[in-house]
């Protein structure tokens, strides 16, 4: 029981030190729909840890590193299935706290590194108390928390602009395949002429239609799925890398369908609740494509369950 008390105390201290950063990040989760998936990230991390529960529980601590550090006890020999605290974790923790304080008080401090300091501090505590064996079991749940940290605004906009232009260009090409319909993309704006009449206002691929929301959420979920699926490592890498083109493709589908709705049904059906509903529909489409790819690789490459078994080769006698 004392372990859980110690964990609660350390967790409470970290929350106390980084309380302002936690409040700021949670506020962005609430107010900015692009980062609303942040609420799910810590839950996924806890689920990952639960999946490794048996391996983590099987690692018992040889000693209390804090008591040994303060009392000068001689470390005992490490036995199988036990962990050795790594004092380099204490050095990393102190360095992280010093960097965080400097980043807060310095006029040249960078706000994005402040919540990241909390994640590094959590990893340092795990390394210090549990050693490298425990880190090997928990590194992904800790690193996964990065997906919950919102990107700086200028970098977010810089990433969304090329995606908006790509979606507008591809949607215009597809719309031009329809008779009596001409579409021309200028940056993120699509001018549409239908049956000789220019539709006003032009279709604007707004920031909300950039696909960045879907990309960030889907990449995070792709990491989770690749981690949880029992398959060869190369297939996990392929599944992880496929999340980016799948998310971009689904967003192109969204913009193209929005263009057809804009032309055939009217501008009011291409915005508001209809627009949001179409965006939500892209998530099951993305998961469908992701699942199709996973099924294809599983069906194309079938592992031989008889591998490792003795193989008997009969040779025909030569007369």
Protein backbone atom coordinates (compact mmCIF):
# COMPACT_ATOMS: atom_id res chain seq x y z
CA UNK A 1 0.00 0.00 0.00
CA UNK A 2 2.90 2.36 0.72
CA UNK A 3 3.76 2.30 -3.00
CA UNK A 4 0.41 3.75 -3.93
CA UNK A 5 0.70 6.39 -1.23
CA UNK A 6 4.14 7.33 -2.54
CA UNK A 7 2.82 7.45 -6.10
CA UNK A 8 -0.06 9.68 -4.98
CA UNK A 9 2.31 12.02 -3.16
CA UNK A 10 4.70 12.29 -6.12
CA UNK A 11 1.80 12.78 -8.53
CA UNK A 12 0.34 15.48 -6.30
CA UNK A 13 3.67 17.28 -6.15
CA UNK A 14 4.03 17.22 -9.93
CA UNK A 15 0.49 18.56 -10.33
CA UNK A 16 1.28 21.30 -7.82
CA UNK A 17 4.46 22.36 -9.61
CA UNK A 18 2.92 22.26 -13.09
CA UNK A 19 -0.60 23.34 -12.11
CA UNK A 20 -0.60 26.44 -14.34
CA UNK A 21 0.40 24.40 -17.40
CA UNK A 22 -2.22 21.76 -16.68
CA UNK A 23 -4.92 24.43 -16.40
CA UNK A 24 -3.81 26.07 -19.64
CA UNK A 25 -3.78 22.83 -21.60
CA UNK A 26 -7.17 21.70 -20.27
CA UNK A 27 -8.61 25.13 -21.11
CA UNK A 28 -7.50 24.67 -24.72
CA UNK A 29 -9.09 21.23 -24.79
CA UNK A 30 -12.38 22.81 -23.76
CA UNK A 31 -12.32 25.92 -25.94
CA UNK A 32 -10.53 24.71 -29.11
CA UNK A 33 -12.25 21.90 -31.00
CA UNK A 34 -8.98 21.07 -32.77
CA UNK A 35 -7.61 19.75 -29.46
CA UNK A 36 -10.76 18.33 -27.87
CA UNK A 37 -9.28 14.84 -28.31
CA UNK A 38 -6.81 15.76 -25.57
CA UNK A 39 -9.24 14.48 -22.93
CA UNK A 40 -8.87 10.97 -24.36
CA UNK A 41 -5.07 10.87 -24.45
CA UNK A 42 -4.48 10.37 -20.68
CA UNK A 43 -7.19 7.69 -20.67
CA UNK A 44 -5.41 5.84 -23.47
CA UNK A 45 -2.14 6.10 -21.54
CA UNK A 46 -3.78 4.56 -18.49
CA UNK A 47 -5.23 1.83 -20.69
CA UNK A 48 -1.77 1.07 -22.11
CA UNK A 49 -0.41 0.77 -18.58
CA UNK A 50 -3.28 -1.53 -17.66
CA UNK A 51 -2.45 -3.72 -20.65
CA UNK A 52 1.08 -4.06 -19.26
CA UNK A 53 -0.13 -4.49 -15.69
CA UNK A 54 1.10 -8.06 -15.27
CA UNK A 55 4.59 -7.17 -16.51
CA UNK A 56 4.73 -4.02 -14.39
CA UNK A 57 3.45 -5.70 -11.23
CA UNK A 58 5.97 -8.49 -11.75
CA UNK A 59 8.78 -5.96 -11.37
CA UNK A 60 9.37 -5.62 -7.64
CA UNK A 61 11.63 -2.97 -6.18
CA UNK A 62 14.81 -4.21 -4.51
CA UNK A 63 14.97 -1.16 -2.27
CA UNK A 64 13.70 2.32 -1.69
CA UNK A 65 15.99 4.62 -3.74
CA UNK A 66 15.12 7.69 -1.68
CA UNK A 67 15.96 5.97 1.61
CA UNK A 68 19.13 4.54 0.16
CA UNK A 69 20.18 7.88 -1.26
CA UNK A 70 19.65 9.67 2.05
CA UNK A 71 20.81 6.86 4.35
CA UNK A 72 23.83 5.78 2.36
CA UNK A 73 22.84 2.09 2.28
CA UNK A 74 24.83 -0.22 0.11
CA UNK A 75 22.78 -1.49 -2.88
CA UNK A 76 21.89 -5.14 -2.81
CA UNK A 77 22.38 -7.47 -5.72
CA UNK A 78 19.72 -7.31 -8.42
CA UNK A 79 17.72 -10.52 -8.82
CA UNK A 80 15.66 -11.73 -11.74
CA UNK A 81 12.34 -9.93 -12.09
CA UNK A 82 13.42 -6.99 -9.94
CA UNK A 83 14.19 -3.40 -10.82
CA UNK A 84 17.18 -1.26 -10.02
CA UNK A 85 16.46 2.44 -9.52
CA UNK A 86 18.45 4.62 -11.92
CA UNK A 87 19.83 7.73 -10.26
CA UNK A 88 20.26 9.33 -13.66
CA UNK A 89 16.49 9.78 -13.45
CA UNK A 90 16.97 12.04 -10.43
CA UNK A 91 19.49 14.11 -12.39
CA UNK A 92 17.04 14.40 -15.32
CA UNK A 93 14.23 15.35 -12.95
CA UNK A 94 16.23 18.12 -11.29
CA UNK A 95 17.41 19.36 -14.67
CA UNK A 96 13.83 19.37 -15.99
CA UNK A 97 12.56 21.35 -13.02
CA UNK A 98 15.40 23.86 -13.39
CA UNK A 99 14.67 24.20 -17.11
CA UNK A 100 10.96 24.68 -16.41
CA UNK A 101 11.61 27.43 -13.86
CA UNK A 102 14.02 29.17 -16.24
CA UNK A 103 11.50 28.86 -19.07
CA UNK A 104 8.81 30.50 -16.92
CA UNK A 105 10.83 33.42 -15.54
CA UNK A 106 12.89 34.12 -18.65
CA UNK A 107 11.48 36.70 -21.13
CA UNK A 108 12.72 34.45 -23.94
CA UNK A 109 10.94 31.39 -22.54
CA UNK A 110 9.03 29.17 -24.95
CA UNK A 111 5.53 28.28 -23.75
CA UNK A 112 5.30 25.03 -25.73
CA UNK A 113 8.13 23.46 -23.72
CA UNK A 114 6.37 24.03 -20.40
CA UNK A 115 3.76 21.25 -20.65
CA UNK A 116 6.38 19.04 -22.29
CA UNK A 117 8.49 19.52 -19.16
CA UNK A 118 5.73 17.81 -17.18
CA UNK A 119 5.90 14.75 -19.46
CA UNK A 120 9.68 14.60 -19.17
CA UNK A 121 9.38 14.94 -15.38
CA UNK A 122 6.98 11.98 -15.24
CA UNK A 123 9.42 9.88 -17.27
CA UNK A 124 12.30 10.95 -15.02
CA UNK A 125 10.38 9.91 -11.89
CA UNK A 126 9.62 6.50 -13.40
CA UNK A 127 13.29 6.07 -14.34
CA UNK A 128 14.49 7.11 -10.89
CA UNK A 129 12.11 4.95 -8.88
CA UNK A 130 11.71 1.97 -11.22
CA UNK A 131 14.84 1.90 -13.34
CA UNK A 132 15.26 1.03 -16.99
CA UNK A 133 13.20 -2.16 -16.76
CA UNK A 134 10.13 -0.21 -15.72
CA UNK A 135 10.82 2.44 -18.36
CA UNK A 136 10.80 -0.27 -21.05
CA UNK A 137 7.27 -1.18 -19.98
CA UNK A 138 5.93 2.37 -19.66
CA UNK A 139 7.77 4.54 -22.17
CA UNK A 140 4.95 4.55 -24.74
CA UNK A 141 2.15 5.53 -22.30
CA UNK A 142 4.35 8.39 -21.12
CA UNK A 143 5.41 9.55 -24.59
CA UNK A 144 1.81 9.22 -25.81
CA UNK A 145 0.90 12.22 -23.64
CA UNK A 146 2.64 14.45 -26.20
CA UNK A 147 -0.44 14.14 -28.41
CA UNK A 148 -2.42 16.01 -25.74
CA UNK A 149 -0.15 19.08 -25.84
CA UNK A 150 -1.47 21.69 -28.33
CA UNK A 151 1.00 22.93 -30.91
CA UNK A 152 1.92 26.63 -30.93
CA UNK A 153 -0.56 28.63 -32.98
CA UNK A 154 1.89 29.73 -35.66
CA UNK A 155 3.09 26.19 -36.30
CA UNK A 156 -0.47 24.90 -36.34
CA UNK A 157 -1.47 27.47 -38.98
CA UNK A 158 1.70 26.77 -40.98
CA UNK A 159 0.78 23.08 -41.10
CA UNK A 160 -2.87 23.63 -41.98
CA UNK A 161 -2.26 25.98 -44.92
CA UNK A 162 -0.65 23.39 -47.27
CA UNK A 163 -3.37 20.89 -46.35
CA UNK A 164 -6.10 23.44 -47.15
CA UNK A 165 -4.51 24.27 -50.51
CA UNK A 166 -4.15 20.58 -51.38
CA UNK A 167 -7.77 19.83 -50.50
CA UNK A 168 -8.98 22.81 -52.54
CA UNK A 169 -6.90 21.85 -55.59
CA UNK A 170 -7.95 18.19 -55.64
CA UNK A 171 -11.61 19.03 -54.97
CA UNK A 172 -11.57 21.50 -57.90
CA UNK A 173 -10.19 18.82 -60.23
CA UNK A 174 -12.94 16.38 -59.21
CA UNK A 175 -15.68 19.00 -59.48
CA UNK A 176 -14.54 19.83 -63.03
CA UNK A 177 -15.40 16.26 -64.07
CA UNK A 178 -19.10 17.11 -63.81
CA UNK A 179 -20.85 18.52 -66.88
CA UNK A 180 -21.88 22.20 -66.73
CA UNK A 181 -19.69 22.69 -63.67
CA UNK A 182 -16.39 24.58 -63.66
CA UNK A 183 -14.27 24.96 -60.55
CA UNK A 184 -11.04 26.88 -60.18
CA UNK A 185 -8.96 26.84 -57.01
CA UNK A 186 -7.09 29.97 -55.92
CA UNK A 187 -5.14 29.04 -52.82
CA UNK A 188 -7.77 27.92 -50.32
CA UNK A 189 -10.73 29.41 -52.24
CA UNK A 190 -12.68 27.54 -54.95
CA UNK A 191 -14.57 29.62 -57.52
CA UNK A 192 -17.49 27.63 -58.92
CA UNK A 193 -19.50 28.30 -62.08
CA UNK A 194 -22.54 26.04 -62.48
CA UNK A 195 -24.59 26.13 -65.71
CA UNK A 196 -23.07 29.45 -66.67
CA UNK A 197 -23.82 31.10 -63.33
CA UNK A 198 -21.11 32.00 -60.84
CA UNK A 199 -22.01 30.88 -57.34
CA UNK A 200 -21.48 33.43 -54.62
CA UNK A 201 -19.81 33.48 -52.22
CA UNK A 202 -16.96 31.22 -53.41
CA UNK A 203 -16.29 28.05 -51.49
CA UNK A 204 -13.63 28.73 -48.86
CA UNK A 205 -11.68 25.82 -47.40
CA UNK A 206 -11.52 27.21 -43.89
CA UNK A 207 -9.04 26.24 -41.20
CA UNK A 208 -11.64 23.91 -39.69
CA UNK A 209 -11.66 22.06 -43.05
CA UNK A 210 -7.90 21.66 -43.21
CA UNK A 211 -8.07 18.13 -41.83
CA UNK A 212 -5.64 18.95 -39.05
CA UNK A 213 -8.16 17.93 -36.39
CA UNK A 214 -8.67 14.57 -38.04
CA UNK A 215 -4.94 14.17 -38.63
CA UNK A 216 -3.91 14.83 -35.02
CA UNK A 217 -6.63 12.62 -33.55
CA UNK A 218 -6.15 9.84 -36.09
CA UNK A 219 -2.37 9.74 -35.74
CA UNK A 220 -2.78 9.44 -31.97
CA UNK A 221 -5.31 6.64 -32.38
CA UNK A 222 -3.11 5.04 -35.03
CA UNK A 223 -0.25 4.85 -32.54
CA UNK A 224 -2.62 3.24 -30.07
CA UNK A 225 -3.89 0.68 -32.58
CA UNK A 226 -0.39 -0.18 -33.80
CA UNK A 227 0.70 -0.66 -30.19
CA UNK A 228 -2.24 -2.86 -29.24
CA UNK A 229 -2.34 -5.04 -32.36
CA UNK A 230 -0.40 -8.27 -32.10
CA UNK A 231 1.39 -8.27 -35.43
CA UNK A 232 4.96 -8.05 -36.78
CA UNK A 233 6.80 -4.80 -36.15
CA UNK A 234 7.02 -3.85 -39.83
CA UNK A 235 3.24 -4.09 -40.14
CA UNK A 236 2.83 -1.83 -37.12
CA UNK A 237 5.14 0.71 -38.74
CA UNK A 238 3.14 0.57 -41.98
CA UNK A 239 -0.11 1.05 -40.09
CA UNK A 240 1.33 4.00 -38.21
CA UNK A 241 2.70 5.67 -41.34
CA UNK A 242 -0.59 5.11 -43.18
CA UNK A 243 -2.48 7.35 -40.75
CA UNK A 244 -1.18 10.53 -42.44
CA UNK A 245 -2.24 9.77 -46.05
CA UNK A 246 -5.53 8.27 -44.84
CA UNK A 247 -6.38 11.39 -42.83
CA UNK A 248 -5.42 13.69 -45.73
CA UNK A 249 -7.44 11.59 -48.20
CA UNK A 250 -10.50 11.64 -45.97
CA UNK A 251 -10.27 15.40 -45.67
CA UNK A 252 -10.11 15.71 -49.48
CA UNK A 253 -13.27 13.58 -49.65
CA UNK A 254 -14.88 15.91 -47.11
CA UNK A 255 -14.06 19.07 -49.07
CA UNK A 256 -15.15 17.49 -52.36
CA UNK A 257 -18.48 16.32 -50.94
CA UNK A 258 -18.96 19.76 -49.40
CA UNK A 259 -18.43 21.24 -52.87
CA UNK A 260 -21.12 19.03 -54.40
CA UNK A 261 -23.52 19.86 -51.56
CA UNK A 262 -22.73 23.55 -52.06
CA UNK A 263 -23.61 23.32 -55.76
CA UNK A 264 -26.56 20.93 -55.72
CA UNK A 265 -28.26 21.62 -52.40
CA UNK A 266 -27.29 25.17 -51.54
CA UNK A 267 -24.73 27.03 -49.42
CA UNK A 268 -26.68 26.64 -46.17
CA UNK A 269 -26.25 22.85 -46.31
CA UNK A 270 -22.48 23.23 -46.61
CA UNK A 271 -22.03 24.95 -43.26
CA UNK A 272 -23.18 24.81 -39.67
CA UNK A 273 -24.46 21.54 -38.27
CA UNK A 274 -24.40 19.86 -41.71
CA UNK A 275 -20.74 20.75 -42.13
CA UNK A 276 -19.88 19.42 -38.67
CA UNK A 277 -21.84 16.20 -39.27
CA UNK A 278 -19.92 15.62 -42.50
CA UNK A 279 -16.67 16.12 -40.61
CA UNK A 280 -17.70 13.55 -38.01
CA UNK A 281 -18.54 11.09 -40.79
CA UNK A 282 -14.92 11.16 -41.93
CA UNK A 283 -13.74 9.44 -38.73
CA UNK A 284 -15.50 6.12 -39.43
CA UNK A 285 -14.32 6.39 -43.05
CA UNK A 286 -10.74 6.78 -41.86
CA UNK A 287 -11.08 3.84 -39.50
CA UNK A 288 -12.62 1.77 -42.30
CA UNK A 289 -9.64 2.43 -44.56
CA UNK A 290 -7.27 1.74 -41.69
CA UNK A 291 -9.02 -1.54 -40.90
CA UNK A 292 -9.01 -2.51 -44.58
CA UNK A 293 -5.26 -1.99 -44.75
CA UNK A 294 -4.76 -4.03 -41.57
CA UNK A 295 -6.93 -6.84 -42.97
CA UNK A 296 -5.07 -6.77 -46.30
CA UNK A 297 -1.67 -7.14 -44.66
CA UNK A 298 -2.93 -9.90 -42.37
CA UNK A 299 -4.41 -11.79 -45.33
CA UNK A 300 -1.48 -11.25 -47.67
CA UNK A 301 1.22 -12.30 -45.22
CA UNK A 302 0.19 -15.38 -43.25
CA UNK A 303 2.64 -16.58 -40.65
CA UNK A 304 3.47 -20.26 -40.76
CA UNK A 305 2.36 -21.65 -37.40
CA UNK A 306 4.48 -24.70 -38.05
CA UNK A 307 7.64 -22.60 -38.00
CA UNK A 308 10.22 -24.09 -35.75
CA UNK A 309 8.87 -27.60 -36.15
CA UNK A 310 11.13 -30.35 -37.41
CA UNK A 311 11.13 -30.57 -41.18
CA UNK A 312 11.59 -34.02 -42.66
CA UNK A 313 12.99 -34.12 -46.17
CA UNK A 314 12.81 -37.37 -48.06
CA UNK A 315 15.35 -37.87 -50.75
CA UNK A 316 14.77 -40.22 -53.55
CA UNK A 317 17.48 -42.80 -53.87
CA UNK A 318 19.52 -42.50 -57.01
CA UNK A 319 19.87 -45.90 -58.70
